[in-house]
Protein backbone atom coordinates (compact mmCIF):
# COMPACT_ATOMS: atom_id res chain seq x y z
CA MET A 1 -216.90 211.02 72.72
CA ILE A 2 -213.10 210.24 72.47
CA ASP A 3 -211.89 208.67 75.76
CA TYR A 4 -208.89 210.78 76.28
CA THR A 5 -207.67 208.32 79.52
CA GLU A 6 -204.58 210.52 80.47
CA TRP A 7 -205.41 213.90 78.99
CA GLN A 8 -209.17 214.34 80.62
CA LEU A 9 -207.92 216.38 83.30
CA MET A 10 -206.23 218.95 80.76
CA PHE A 11 -209.73 219.02 78.57
CA ASP A 12 -212.00 219.10 81.09
CA ILE A 13 -209.60 222.85 82.68
CA GLY A 14 -209.35 223.83 79.19
CA LYS A 15 -213.24 223.79 78.77
CA CYS A 16 -213.20 226.01 81.85
CA TRP A 17 -210.49 228.08 80.52
CA LEU A 18 -211.83 229.09 77.05
CA ASN A 19 -214.73 230.62 78.57
CA TYR A 20 -212.13 233.83 79.44
CA LEU A 21 -209.47 233.93 77.27
CA LYS A 22 -209.49 234.48 73.67
CA GLY A 23 -206.19 232.66 72.05
CA CYS A 24 -205.19 229.70 70.36
CA LEU A 25 -204.00 226.25 71.16
CA LEU A 26 -200.77 225.22 70.68
CA GLU A 27 -199.71 221.13 71.40
CA ILE A 28 -195.90 220.07 70.37
CA GLY A 29 -195.04 216.79 69.90
CA VAL A 30 -198.42 214.94 68.31
CA GLY A 31 -200.32 211.70 70.16
CA LYS A 32 -202.84 210.87 72.46
CA SER A 33 -202.94 214.82 73.60
CA THR A 34 -204.14 215.37 70.61
CA GLY A 35 -208.04 214.76 70.31
CA VAL A 36 -208.12 217.02 73.35
CA PHE A 37 -206.48 220.04 71.26
CA ILE A 38 -209.09 219.18 68.15
CA GLU A 39 -211.67 218.53 70.57
CA LEU A 40 -211.96 222.09 71.99
CA SER A 41 -210.56 223.25 68.59
CA ASN A 42 -214.24 222.85 67.72
CA LEU A 43 -216.18 223.81 70.67
CA TYR A 44 -214.88 227.21 70.89
CA GLY A 45 -213.99 227.76 66.89
CA ARG A 46 -209.90 228.12 68.54
CA ARG A 47 -207.24 228.08 65.93
CA SER A 48 -205.32 225.08 67.21
CA LEU A 49 -201.78 224.51 66.20
CA HIS A 50 -199.93 221.37 65.56
CA CYS A 51 -196.26 220.39 66.16
CA ASP A 52 -194.01 217.68 65.39
CA ILE A 53 -191.19 216.18 63.16
CA ARG A 54 -192.92 213.06 62.68
CA ASP A 55 -195.74 212.87 61.02
CA TYR A 56 -198.00 209.90 62.28
CA GLY A 57 -200.86 210.44 59.99
CA ILE A 58 -203.40 212.36 62.63
CA THR A 59 -206.70 213.48 60.40
CA PHE A 60 -206.83 217.39 61.72
CA SER A 61 -209.91 219.37 61.65
CA SER A 62 -210.08 222.70 59.93
CA MET A 63 -209.40 224.58 62.80
CA SER A 64 -206.22 223.18 62.78
CA THR A 65 -203.37 223.71 61.72
CA PHE A 66 -200.63 220.92 61.51
CA HIS A 67 -196.64 221.52 62.01
CA ASN A 68 -194.56 219.06 60.30
CA MET A 69 -191.05 220.36 61.51
CA THR A 70 -189.27 221.53 64.59
CA SER A 71 -190.58 223.87 67.28
CA ASP A 72 -188.05 226.23 66.43
CA GLN A 73 -189.16 226.19 62.78
CA MET A 74 -192.63 226.57 63.80
CA PHE A 75 -192.25 230.02 66.27
CA SER A 76 -190.81 231.17 63.54
CA GLN A 77 -193.50 231.34 61.90
CA ILE A 78 -196.29 231.56 63.74
CA GLY A 79 -194.99 235.10 64.54
CA HIS A 80 -196.85 236.93 67.72
CA THR A 81 -200.01 235.03 67.49
CA PRO A 82 -201.73 234.57 70.59
CA LEU A 83 -201.40 231.79 72.74
CA ALA A 84 -204.91 230.42 75.39
CA LEU A 85 -204.00 227.03 75.93
CA THR A 86 -200.35 224.94 75.18
CA LEU A 87 -198.95 221.58 75.74
CA ILE A 88 -195.34 220.96 75.64
CA ASP A 89 -194.62 217.49 74.51
CA GLY A 90 -192.02 217.32 71.87
CA ASN A 91 -187.94 216.96 72.53
CA HIS A 92 -187.20 216.69 75.92
CA SER A 93 -183.89 218.07 75.86
CA TYR A 94 -183.79 220.39 79.25
CA GLU A 95 -182.14 223.23 76.69
CA GLN A 96 -185.24 223.11 74.08
CA VAL A 97 -187.73 222.48 76.75
CA ALA A 98 -186.59 225.20 77.50
CA ARG A 99 -187.04 227.49 74.36
CA ASP A 100 -190.59 226.02 73.80
CA TYR A 101 -191.61 227.49 77.31
CA ARG A 102 -190.14 230.93 77.23
CA ASN A 103 -191.13 230.35 73.04
CA THR A 104 -194.86 229.65 74.03
CA LEU A 105 -194.78 232.37 77.08
CA ASN A 106 -193.48 234.84 75.12
CA ILE A 107 -196.60 234.91 72.64
CA THR A 108 -199.56 233.61 75.39
CA GLU A 109 -201.76 235.50 76.68
CA ASP A 110 -202.92 237.13 80.64
CA ASN A 111 -204.12 233.46 82.79
CA GLY A 112 -202.59 231.17 79.83
CA LEU A 113 -202.10 227.70 80.28
CA ILE A 114 -199.24 226.06 79.49
CA PHE A 115 -198.74 222.39 80.07
CA MET A 116 -195.62 220.30 80.29
CA HIS A 117 -196.18 216.69 80.13
CA ASP A 118 -193.30 214.12 81.26
CA THR A 119 -192.13 216.90 84.29
CA LEU A 120 -191.56 214.34 87.94
CA PRO A 121 -189.77 210.88 87.03
CA PRO A 122 -190.35 208.22 89.07
CA ASN A 123 -186.92 207.49 88.92
CA GLU A 124 -183.14 208.03 87.54
CA GLY A 125 -183.82 205.75 84.83
CA TYR A 126 -186.91 208.46 83.33
CA LEU A 127 -184.37 211.15 82.74
CA ASP A 128 -183.27 208.81 79.39
CA PRO A 129 -184.20 211.53 76.73
CA GLY A 130 -185.94 209.46 75.05
CA LEU A 131 -188.64 209.80 78.46
CA CYS A 132 -188.52 212.45 81.10
CA GLY A 133 -185.16 213.63 79.61
CA GLY A 134 -184.29 217.07 81.09
CA VAL A 135 -188.32 218.61 82.03
CA TYR A 136 -187.87 217.93 85.38
CA ARG A 137 -185.36 220.58 86.04
CA LEU A 138 -188.12 223.20 84.70
CA ARG A 139 -190.15 222.34 86.44
CA GLN A 140 -187.53 222.77 89.42
CA GLU A 141 -187.17 226.35 88.16
CA LEU A 142 -190.60 227.87 87.35
CA SER A 143 -191.16 226.65 91.24
CA LEU A 144 -189.42 229.80 92.01
CA ASP A 145 -190.25 231.89 89.15
CA GLU A 146 -192.68 234.87 91.11
CA THR A 147 -193.52 235.95 86.97
CA VAL A 148 -196.08 232.35 87.07
CA ASP A 149 -197.75 230.13 89.19
CA SER A 150 -196.93 226.03 89.05
CA PHE A 151 -198.37 223.52 90.11
CA THR A 152 -197.25 219.54 89.36
CA PHE A 153 -200.06 217.17 88.90
CA PRO A 154 -198.21 213.94 90.07
CA PHE A 155 -200.78 211.06 88.76
CA ILE A 156 -201.19 212.22 85.68
CA GLY A 157 -199.39 210.57 82.08
CA ALA A 158 -199.14 207.27 80.49
CA PRO A 159 -197.49 204.87 83.52
CA PRO A 160 -195.91 204.83 85.66
CA ASN A 161 -197.16 208.47 85.74
CA CYS A 162 -194.52 211.31 84.87
CA GLY A 163 -196.17 214.41 85.97
CA VAL A 164 -197.45 216.94 84.22
CA THR A 165 -197.23 220.44 85.01
CA MET A 166 -199.38 223.60 84.47
CA VAL A 167 -198.25 226.44 84.35
CA ARG A 168 -200.46 229.93 84.23
CA LYS A 169 -199.24 232.74 83.61
CA LYS A 170 -199.93 235.75 85.08
CA ALA A 171 -200.92 239.65 84.49
CA ILE A 172 -198.94 242.67 84.78
CA ASN A 173 -199.41 245.93 86.70
CA LEU A 174 -202.21 244.50 88.79
CA PRO A 175 -203.97 245.98 91.83
CA TYR A 176 -201.79 244.83 95.35
CA TYR A 177 -205.03 242.87 96.71
CA GLN A 178 -204.77 240.68 92.97
CA ALA A 179 -201.50 240.37 93.03
């Protein structure tokens, strides 16, 4: 078993969620989380897409595709590939993470999950673009968005625990008792 440490929660939720959704997996920004996506991809027979501007020499499974490019370039290539589970942990500028989020949400299945890393900086020093950057601003906006459910786990991520926000895309046109 791979040691996921900081990504164990995402792995466990993914194992449950992928029983009900059919879409692919997407990871923007490869790293310690990549093993989680490769294993979930193999466990559920799903295609996983990985994107980063740097090539870290990671060995991907036959179910995985690595896009060594910007996320904007990757989205133009993958088209409308339906997504079930995504992690956004690439460029931490507010503008880019917001664009990654919108691009992801547009092709996420109803009830699909989007995880975003570095959404709860422990102090103002972490607003540096090389750390948490402006990701927290998107977390704040999502807390007001009625088209999604969001929850931030404050004690997830490498020390000093910069937070992970989980977003669920709500289904539309539901009966009043499910809305």
